[in-house]
Amino acid sequence: MAEIMADVAAYNVHQELIGSGKTKSYIDKISIICVMDSGNGAAYISRNTKKERMIMLPVIGHWLKKGWGFYYKNSKMKRIPRIPGM
C-alpha cells in the first residue's frame, strides 16, 4: 500500500511542478492482499474497493510470512522461478 501511495504522490508532485494540472488517486489501486506479521503470529488481509477481510493466523501465520520472504527475495534474485501473476 505504501508503494502505491508513494508512486501516486511522486506523480502528483511532478505534475504540480511542471504545471500540467493532472493528478491521479490511489483509490482505484487499493486492491491488496498481504500477510501482516506480528512476531509470533500473523493476519491475512485482503481489501478492494468493495470489501475487506482479515483472518487471524496465530503461529502458522508467522511461518507463512517467513516463507513468503524467502520466496520473494530468492525469486527477485532469480535463484528460483517466479510464480506467474505474482
PDB file of N, CA and C in Angstrom:
ATOM      1  N   MET A   1       0.819  -1.184   0.000  1.00  0.00           N
ATOM      2  CA  MET A   1       0.000   0.000   0.000  1.00  0.00           C
ATOM      3  C   MET A   1       0.869   1.257   0.000  1.00  0.00           C
ATOM      4  N   ALA A   2       1.935   1.232   0.795  1.00  0.00           N
ATOM      5  CA  ALA A   2       2.816   2.394   0.869  1.00  0.00           C
ATOM      6  C   ALA A   2       3.474   2.666  -0.481  1.00  0.00           C
ATOM      7  N   GLU A   3       3.829   1.591  -1.204  1.00  0.00           N
ATOM      8  CA  GLU A   3       4.457   1.765  -2.525  1.00  0.00           C
ATOM      9  C   GLU A   3       3.490   2.433  -3.500  1.00  0.00           C
ATOM     10  N   ILE A   4       2.235   2.033  -3.462  1.00  0.00           N
ATOM     11  CA  ILE A   4       1.227   2.621  -4.350  1.00  0.00           C
ATOM     12  C   ILE A   4       1.028   4.091  -4.009  1.00  0.00           C
ATOM     13  N   MET A   5       0.907   4.389  -2.719  1.00  0.00           N
ATOM     14  CA  MET A   5       0.692   5.774  -2.309  1.00  0.00           C
ATOM     15  C   MET A   5       1.908   6.646  -2.642  1.00  0.00           C
ATOM     16  N   ALA A   6       3.124   6.101  -2.489  1.00  0.00           N
ATOM     17  CA  ALA A   6       4.326   6.861  -2.829  1.00  0.00           C
ATOM     18  C   ALA A   6       4.389   7.131  -4.326  1.00  0.00           C
ATOM     19  N   ASP A   7       4.029   6.147  -5.131  1.00  0.00           N
ATOM     20  CA  ASP A   7       4.020   6.324  -6.589  1.00  0.00           C
ATOM     21  C   ASP A   7       3.040   7.428  -6.988  1.00  0.00           C
ATOM     22  N   VAL A   8       1.855   7.399  -6.412  1.00  0.00           N
ATOM     23  CA  VAL A   8       0.840   8.410  -6.719  1.00  0.00           C
ATOM     24  C   VAL A   8       1.298   9.787  -6.242  1.00  0.00           C
ATOM     25  N   ALA A   9       1.883   9.849  -5.040  1.00  0.00           N
ATOM     26  CA  ALA A   9       2.357  11.134  -4.510  1.00  0.00           C
ATOM     27  C   ALA A   9       3.460  11.709  -5.395  1.00  0.00           C
ATOM     28  N   ALA A  10       4.418  10.863  -5.814  1.00  0.00           N
ATOM     29  CA  ALA A  10       5.502  11.338  -6.686  1.00  0.00           C
ATOM     30  C   ALA A  10       4.944  11.843  -8.015  1.00  0.00           C
ATOM     31  N   TYR A  11       3.994  11.124  -8.572  1.00  0.00           N
ATOM     32  CA  TYR A  11       3.373  11.544  -9.832  1.00  0.00           C
ATOM     33  C   TYR A  11       2.684  12.902  -9.661  1.00  0.00           C
ATOM     34  N   ASN A  12       1.910  13.039  -8.587  1.00  0.00           N
ATOM     35  CA  ASN A  12       1.172  14.289  -8.362  1.00  0.00           C
ATOM     36  C   ASN A  12       2.116  15.466  -8.117  1.00  0.00           C
ATOM     37  N   VAL A  13       3.206  15.248  -7.368  1.00  0.00           N
ATOM     38  CA  VAL A  13       4.183  16.317  -7.142  1.00  0.00           C
ATOM     39  C   VAL A  13       4.842  16.708  -8.461  1.00  0.00           C
ATOM     40  N   HIS A  14       5.220  15.719  -9.259  1.00  0.00           N
ATOM     41  CA  HIS A  14       5.841  16.003 -10.558  1.00  0.00           C
ATOM     42  C   HIS A  14       4.891  16.807 -11.444  1.00  0.00           C
ATOM     43  N   GLN A  15       3.640  16.404 -11.493  1.00  0.00           N
ATOM     44  CA  GLN A  15       2.659  17.122 -12.320  1.00  0.00           C
ATOM     45  C   GLN A  15       2.456  18.550 -11.823  1.00  0.00           C
ATOM     46  N   GLU A  16       2.499  18.739 -10.507  1.00  0.00           N
ATOM     47  CA  GLU A  16       2.371  20.081  -9.934  1.00  0.00           C
ATOM     48  C   GLU A  16       3.579  20.948 -10.309  1.00  0.00           C
ATOM     49  N   LEU A  17       4.775  20.348 -10.246  1.00  0.00           N
ATOM     50  CA  LEU A  17       5.994  21.104 -10.573  1.00  0.00           C
ATOM     51  C   LEU A  17       6.038  21.543 -12.039  1.00  0.00           C
ATOM     52  N   ILE A  18       5.550  20.687 -12.933  1.00  0.00           N
ATOM     53  CA  ILE A  18       5.572  21.065 -14.353  1.00  0.00           C
ATOM     54  C   ILE A  18       4.319  21.847 -14.745  1.00  0.00           C
ATOM     55  N   GLY A  19       3.367  21.956 -13.823  1.00  0.00           N
ATOM     56  CA  GLY A  19       2.185  22.782 -14.050  1.00  0.00           C
ATOM     57  C   GLY A  19       1.151  22.200 -14.990  1.00  0.00           C
ATOM     58  N   SER A  20       1.085  20.881 -15.079  1.00  0.00           N
ATOM     59  CA  SER A  20       0.131  20.269 -16.014  1.00  0.00           C
ATOM     60  C   SER A  20      -1.292  20.233 -15.463  1.00  0.00           C
ATOM     61  N   GLY A  21      -1.440  20.244 -14.142  1.00  0.00           N
ATOM     62  CA  GLY A  21      -2.772  20.179 -13.551  1.00  0.00           C
ATOM     63  C   GLY A  21      -3.338  18.772 -13.470  1.00  0.00           C
ATOM     64  N   LYS A  22      -2.611  17.778 -13.966  1.00  0.00           N
ATOM     65  CA  LYS A  22      -3.073  16.387 -13.894  1.00  0.00           C
ATOM     66  C   LYS A  22      -2.793  15.839 -12.495  1.00  0.00           C
ATOM     67  N   THR A  23      -3.687  14.979 -12.023  1.00  0.00           N
ATOM     68  CA  THR A  23      -3.464  14.251 -10.777  1.00  0.00           C
ATOM     69  C   THR A  23      -4.050  12.854 -10.929  1.00  0.00           C
ATOM     70  N   LYS A  24      -3.579  11.957 -10.082  1.00  0.00           N
ATOM     71  CA  LYS A  24      -4.206  10.638 -10.027  1.00  0.00           C
ATOM     72  C   LYS A  24      -4.379  10.245  -8.570  1.00  0.00           C
ATOM     73  N   SER A  25      -5.235   9.271  -8.321  1.00  0.00           N
ATOM     74  CA  SER A  25      -5.574   8.838  -6.977  1.00  0.00           C
ATOM     75  C   SER A  25      -5.179   7.383  -6.781  1.00  0.00           C
ATOM     76  N   TYR A  26      -4.934   7.008  -5.548  1.00  0.00           N
ATOM     77  CA  TYR A  26      -4.605   5.618  -5.253  1.00  0.00           C
ATOM     78  C   TYR A  26      -5.849   4.781  -4.990  1.00  0.00           C
ATOM     79  N   ILE A  27      -7.023   5.369  -4.922  1.00  0.00           N
ATOM     80  CA  ILE A  27      -8.258   4.668  -4.557  1.00  0.00           C
ATOM     81  C   ILE A  27      -8.549   3.504  -5.501  1.00  0.00           C
ATOM     82  N   ASP A  28      -8.359   3.683  -6.820  1.00  0.00           N
ATOM     83  CA  ASP A  28      -8.660   2.586  -7.753  1.00  0.00           C
ATOM     84  C   ASP A  28      -7.611   1.485  -7.700  1.00  0.00           C
ATOM     85  N   LYS A  29      -6.486   1.700  -7.029  1.00  0.00           N
ATOM     86  CA  LYS A  29      -5.441   0.680  -6.921  1.00  0.00           C
ATOM     87  C   LYS A  29      -5.413   0.055  -5.532  1.00  0.00           C
ATOM     88  N   ILE A  30      -6.476   0.199  -4.777  1.00  0.00           N
ATOM     89  CA  ILE A  30      -6.462  -0.185  -3.377  1.00  0.00           C
ATOM     90  C   ILE A  30      -6.692  -1.683  -3.140  1.00  0.00           C
ATOM     91  N   SER A  31      -6.665  -2.470  -4.172  1.00  0.00           N
ATOM     92  CA  SER A  31      -6.839  -3.914  -4.050  1.00  0.00           C
ATOM     93  C   SER A  31      -5.530  -4.525  -3.540  1.00  0.00           C
ATOM     94  N   ILE A  32      -5.530  -4.992  -2.283  1.00  0.00           N
ATOM     95  CA  ILE A  32      -4.321  -5.548  -1.695  1.00  0.00           C
ATOM     96  C   ILE A  32      -4.595  -6.908  -1.077  1.00  0.00           C
ATOM     97  N   ILE A  33      -3.574  -7.706  -1.043  1.00  0.00           N
ATOM     98  CA  ILE A  33      -3.579  -8.972  -0.313  1.00  0.00           C
ATOM     99  C   ILE A  33      -2.245  -9.041   0.403  1.00  0.00           C
ATOM    100  N   CYS A  34      -2.264  -9.252   1.707  1.00  0.00           N
ATOM    101  CA  CYS A  34      -0.995  -9.346   2.421  1.00  0.00           C
ATOM    102  C   CYS A  34      -1.150 -10.197   3.672  1.00  0.00           C
ATOM    103  N   VAL A  35      -0.019 -10.620   4.189  1.00  0.00           N
ATOM    104  CA  VAL A  35       0.048 -11.292   5.470  1.00  0.00           C
ATOM    105  C   VAL A  35       0.890 -10.391   6.362  1.00  0.00           C
ATOM    106  N   MET A  36       0.266  -9.843   7.393  1.00  0.00           N
ATOM    107  CA  MET A  36       0.965  -8.933   8.306  1.00  0.00           C
ATOM    108  C   MET A  36       1.488  -9.729   9.499  1.00  0.00           C
ATOM    109  N   ASP A  37       2.798  -9.714   9.682  1.00  0.00           N
ATOM    110  CA  ASP A  37       3.456 -10.448  10.758  1.00  0.00           C
ATOM    111  C   ASP A  37       3.335  -9.668  12.063  1.00  0.00           C
ATOM    112  N   SER A  38       3.081 -10.390  13.147  1.00  0.00           N
ATOM    113  CA  SER A  38       3.004  -9.743  14.453  1.00  0.00           C
ATOM    114  C   SER A  38       4.010 -10.357  15.430  1.00  0.00           C
ATOM    115  N   GLY A  39       5.063 -10.948  14.904  1.00  0.00           N
ATOM    116  CA  GLY A  39       6.096 -11.526  15.758  1.00  0.00           C
ATOM    117  C   GLY A  39       5.890 -13.005  16.007  1.00  0.00           C
ATOM    118  N   ASN A  40       4.812 -13.377  16.658  1.00  0.00           N
ATOM    119  CA  ASN A  40       4.539 -14.788  16.928  1.00  0.00           C
ATOM    120  C   ASN A  40       3.270 -15.276  16.236  1.00  0.00           C
ATOM    121  N   GLY A  41       2.749 -14.499  15.349  1.00  0.00           N
ATOM    122  CA  GLY A  41       1.553 -14.852  14.592  1.00  0.00           C
ATOM    123  C   GLY A  41       1.435 -13.906  13.418  1.00  0.00           C
ATOM    124  N   ALA A  42       0.305 -13.911  12.771  1.00  0.00           N
ATOM    125  CA  ALA A  42       0.099 -13.011  11.638  1.00  0.00           C
ATOM    126  C   ALA A  42      -1.387 -12.907  11.349  1.00  0.00           C
ATOM    127  N   ALA A  43      -1.719 -12.054  10.400  1.00  0.00           N
ATOM    128  CA  ALA A  43      -3.093 -11.916   9.954  1.00  0.00           C
ATOM    129  C   ALA A  43      -3.092 -11.823   8.435  1.00  0.00           C
ATOM    130  N   TYR A  44      -3.993 -12.561   7.792  1.00  0.00           N
ATOM    131  CA  TYR A  44      -4.198 -12.469   6.350  1.00  0.00           C
ATOM    132  C   TYR A  44      -5.187 -11.331   6.125  1.00  0.00           C
ATOM    133  N   ILE A  45      -4.824 -10.397   5.261  1.00  0.00           N
ATOM    134  CA  ILE A  45      -5.676  -9.246   4.998  1.00  0.00           C
ATOM    135  C   ILE A  45      -5.876  -9.098   3.500  1.00  0.00           C
ATOM    136  N   SER A  46      -7.121  -8.960   3.092  1.00  0.00           N
ATOM    137  CA  SER A  46      -7.410  -8.646   1.692  1.00  0.00           C
ATOM    138  C   SER A  46      -8.389  -7.488   1.673  1.00  0.00           C
ATOM    139  N   ARG A  47      -8.214  -6.616   0.704  1.00  0.00           N
ATOM    140  CA  ARG A  47      -9.067  -5.443   0.620  1.00  0.00           C
ATOM    141  C   ARG A  47      -9.162  -4.984  -0.821  1.00  0.00           C
ATOM    142  N   ASN A  48     -10.367  -4.633  -1.228  1.00  0.00           N
ATOM    143  CA  ASN A  48     -10.569  -3.961  -2.507  1.00  0.00           C
ATOM    144  C   ASN A  48     -11.598  -2.863  -2.289  1.00  0.00           C
ATOM    145  N   THR A  49     -12.069  -2.255  -3.341  1.00  0.00           N
ATOM    146  CA  THR A  49     -12.997  -1.137  -3.171  1.00  0.00           C
ATOM    147  C   THR A  49     -14.366  -1.576  -2.676  1.00  0.00           C
ATOM    148  N   LYS A  50     -14.659  -2.882  -2.696  1.00  0.00           N
ATOM    149  CA  LYS A  50     -15.975  -3.373  -2.287  1.00  0.00           C
ATOM    150  C   LYS A  50     -16.010  -4.027  -0.917  1.00  0.00           C
ATOM    151  N   LYS A  51     -14.917  -4.711  -0.505  1.00  0.00           N
ATOM    152  CA  LYS A  51     -14.954  -5.401   0.782  1.00  0.00           C
ATOM    153  C   LYS A  51     -13.556  -5.552   1.376  1.00  0.00           C
ATOM    154  N   GLU A  52     -13.544  -5.804   2.676  1.00  0.00           N
ATOM    155  CA  GLU A  52     -12.315  -6.044   3.420  1.00  0.00           C
ATOM    156  C   GLU A  52     -12.444  -7.368   4.159  1.00  0.00           C
ATOM    157  N   ARG A  53     -11.299  -8.040   4.361  1.00  0.00           N
ATOM    158  CA  ARG A  53     -11.324  -9.310   5.097  1.00  0.00           C
ATOM    159  C   ARG A  53     -10.030  -9.422   5.898  1.00  0.00           C
ATOM    160  N   MET A  54     -10.140  -9.849   7.154  1.00  0.00           N
ATOM    161  CA  MET A  54      -8.966 -10.092   7.979  1.00  0.00           C
ATOM    162  C   MET A  54      -9.157 -11.412   8.711  1.00  0.00           C
ATOM    163  N   ILE A  55      -8.194 -12.303   8.545  1.00  0.00           N
ATOM    164  CA  ILE A  55      -8.246 -13.611   9.198  1.00  0.00           C
ATOM    165  C   ILE A  55      -6.985 -13.758  10.042  1.00  0.00           C
ATOM    166  N   MET A  56      -7.157 -13.951  11.335  1.00  0.00           N
ATOM    167  CA  MET A  56      -6.012 -14.123  12.220  1.00  0.00           C
ATOM    168  C   MET A  56      -5.383 -15.497  12.007  1.00  0.00           C
ATOM    169  N   LEU A  57      -4.059 -15.544  11.966  1.00  0.00           N
ATOM    170  CA  LEU A  57      -3.315 -16.785  11.761  1.00  0.00           C
ATOM    171  C   LEU A  57      -2.259 -16.924  12.866  1.00  0.00           C
ATOM    172  N   PRO A  58      -2.664 -17.345  14.066  1.00  0.00           N
ATOM    173  CA  PRO A  58      -1.676 -17.458  15.132  1.00  0.00           C
ATOM    174  C   PRO A  58      -0.619 -18.502  14.808  1.00  0.00           C
ATOM    175  N   VAL A  59       0.600 -18.251  15.130  1.00  0.00           N
ATOM    176  CA  VAL A  59       1.801 -19.073  14.953  1.00  0.00           C
ATOM    177  C   VAL A  59       2.058 -19.415  13.486  1.00  0.00           C
ATOM    178  N   ILE A  60       1.149 -20.111  12.813  1.00  0.00           N
ATOM    179  CA  ILE A  60       1.394 -20.521  11.432  1.00  0.00           C
ATOM    180  C   ILE A  60       1.555 -19.319  10.501  1.00  0.00           C
ATOM    181  N   GLY A  61       0.880 -18.236  10.820  1.00  0.00           N
ATOM    182  CA  GLY A  61       0.993 -17.037  10.007  1.00  0.00           C
ATOM    183  C   GLY A  61       2.407 -16.487   9.988  1.00  0.00           C
ATOM    184  N   HIS A  62       3.087 -16.575  11.120  1.00  0.00           N
ATOM    185  CA  HIS A  62       4.469 -16.121  11.200  1.00  0.00           C
ATOM    186  C   HIS A  62       5.340 -16.925  10.231  1.00  0.00           C
ATOM    187  N   TRP A  63       5.129 -18.231  10.182  1.00  0.00           N
ATOM    188  CA  TRP A  63       5.934 -19.085   9.299  1.00  0.00           C
ATOM    189  C   TRP A  63       5.552 -18.872   7.835  1.00  0.00           C
ATOM    190  N   LEU A  64       4.286 -18.579   7.570  1.00  0.00           N
ATOM    191  CA  LEU A  64       3.879 -18.234   6.204  1.00  0.00           C
ATOM    192  C   LEU A  64       4.581 -16.956   5.745  1.00  0.00           C
ATOM    193  N   LYS A  65       4.664 -15.986   6.638  1.00  0.00           N
ATOM    194  CA  LYS A  65       5.331 -14.723   6.320  1.00  0.00           C
ATOM    195  C   LYS A  65       6.816 -14.951   6.052  1.00  0.00           C
ATOM    196  N   LYS A  66       7.458 -15.768   6.852  1.00  0.00           N
ATOM    197  CA  LYS A  66       8.868 -16.087   6.623  1.00  0.00           C
ATOM    198  C   LYS A  66       9.048 -16.814   5.285  1.00  0.00           C
ATOM    199  N   GLY A  67       8.124 -17.717   4.955  1.00  0.00           N
ATOM    200  CA  GLY A  67       8.179 -18.428   3.678  1.00  0.00           C
ATOM    201  C   GLY A  67       8.019 -17.476   2.500  1.00  0.00           C
ATOM    202  N   TRP A  68       7.104 -16.529   2.619  1.00  0.00           N
ATOM    203  CA  TRP A  68       6.906 -15.541   1.555  1.00  0.00           C
ATOM    204  C   TRP A  68       8.163 -14.694   1.382  1.00  0.00           C
ATOM    205  N   GLY A  69       8.773 -14.299   2.492  1.00  0.00           N
ATOM    206  CA  GLY A  69      10.002 -13.512   2.426  1.00  0.00           C
ATOM    207  C   GLY A  69      11.100 -14.266   1.698  1.00  0.00           C
ATOM    208  N   PHE A  70      11.229 -15.560   1.980  1.00  0.00           N
ATOM    209  CA  PHE A  70      12.220 -16.399   1.296  1.00  0.00           C
ATOM    210  C   PHE A  70      11.925 -16.455  -0.198  1.00  0.00           C
ATOM    211  N   TYR A  71      10.660 -16.720  -0.549  1.00  0.00           N
ATOM    212  CA  TYR A  71      10.275 -16.785  -1.963  1.00  0.00           C
ATOM    213  C   TYR A  71      10.533 -15.461  -2.670  1.00  0.00           C
ATOM    214  N   TYR A  72      10.100 -14.364  -2.061  1.00  0.00           N
ATOM    215  CA  TYR A  72      10.211 -13.055  -2.695  1.00  0.00           C
ATOM    216  C   TYR A  72      11.678 -12.698  -2.957  1.00  0.00           C
ATOM    217  N   LYS A  73      12.504 -12.842  -1.936  1.00  0.00           N
ATOM    218  CA  LYS A  73      13.918 -12.494  -2.083  1.00  0.00           C
ATOM    219  C   LYS A  73      14.599 -13.350  -3.140  1.00  0.00           C
ATOM    220  N   ASN A  74      14.380 -14.647  -3.072  1.00  0.00           N
ATOM    221  CA  ASN A  74      15.067 -15.548  -3.999  1.00  0.00           C
ATOM    222  C   ASN A  74      14.531 -15.463  -5.417  1.00  0.00           C
ATOM    223  N   SER A  75      13.241 -15.166  -5.577  1.00  0.00           N
ATOM    224  CA  SER A  75      12.721 -15.018  -6.939  1.00  0.00           C
ATOM    225  C   SER A  75      13.185 -13.699  -7.551  1.00  0.00           C
ATOM    226  N   LYS A  76      13.328 -12.650  -6.740  1.00  0.00           N
ATOM    227  CA  LYS A  76      13.857 -11.377  -7.244  1.00  0.00           C
ATOM    228  C   LYS A  76      15.308 -11.523  -7.685  1.00  0.00           C
ATOM    229  N   MET A  77      16.060 -12.358  -6.969  1.00  0.00           N
ATOM    230  CA  MET A  77      17.471 -12.569  -7.312  1.00  0.00           C
ATOM    231  C   MET A  77      17.649 -13.665  -8.357  1.00  0.00           C
ATOM    232  N   LYS A  78      16.524 -14.154  -8.873  1.00  0.00           N
ATOM    233  CA  LYS A  78      16.484 -15.168  -9.923  1.00  0.00           C
ATOM    234  C   LYS A  78      17.143 -16.496  -9.525  1.00  0.00           C
ATOM    235  N   ARG A  79      17.096 -16.803  -8.234  1.00  0.00           N
ATOM    236  CA  ARG A  79      17.579 -18.096  -7.764  1.00  0.00           C
ATOM    237  C   ARG A  79      16.523 -19.176  -7.914  1.00  0.00           C
ATOM    238  N   ILE A  80      15.239 -18.761  -7.862  1.00  0.00           N
ATOM    239  CA  ILE A  80      14.118 -19.682  -8.081  1.00  0.00           C
ATOM    240  C   ILE A  80      13.154 -19.018  -9.040  1.00  0.00           C
ATOM    241  N   PRO A  81      12.350 -19.806  -9.774  1.00  0.00           N
ATOM    242  CA  PRO A  81      11.416 -19.191 -10.745  1.00  0.00           C
ATOM    243  C   PRO A  81      10.277 -18.466 -10.051  1.00  0.00           C
ATOM    244  N   ARG A  82       9.793 -17.398 -10.687  1.00  0.00           N
ATOM    245  CA  ARG A  82       8.649 -16.651 -10.166  1.00  0.00           C
ATOM    246  C   ARG A  82       7.364 -17.382 -10.497  1.00  0.00           C
ATOM    247  N   ILE A  83       6.404 -17.289  -9.604  1.00  0.00           N
ATOM    248  CA  ILE A  83       5.077 -17.844  -9.849  1.00  0.00           C
ATOM    249  C   ILE A  83       4.345 -16.849 -10.763  1.00  0.00           C
ATOM    250  N   PRO A  84       3.776 -17.301 -11.881  1.00  0.00           N
ATOM    251  CA  PRO A  84       3.087 -16.359 -12.796  1.00  0.00           C
ATOM    252  C   PRO A  84       2.010 -15.566 -12.066  1.00  0.00           C
ATOM    253  N   GLY A  85       1.977 -14.271 -12.293  1.00  0.00           N
ATOM    254  CA  GLY A  85       0.989 -13.402 -11.682  1.00  0.00           C
ATOM    255  C   GLY A  85       1.407 -12.865 -10.323  1.00  0.00           C
ATOM    256  N   MET A  86       2.544 -13.259  -9.819  1.00  0.00           N
ATOM    257  CA  MET A  86       2.996 -12.774  -8.504  1.00  0.00           C
ATOM    258  C   MET A  86       4.022 -11.682  -8.669  1.00  0.00           C
TER     259      MET A  86
END
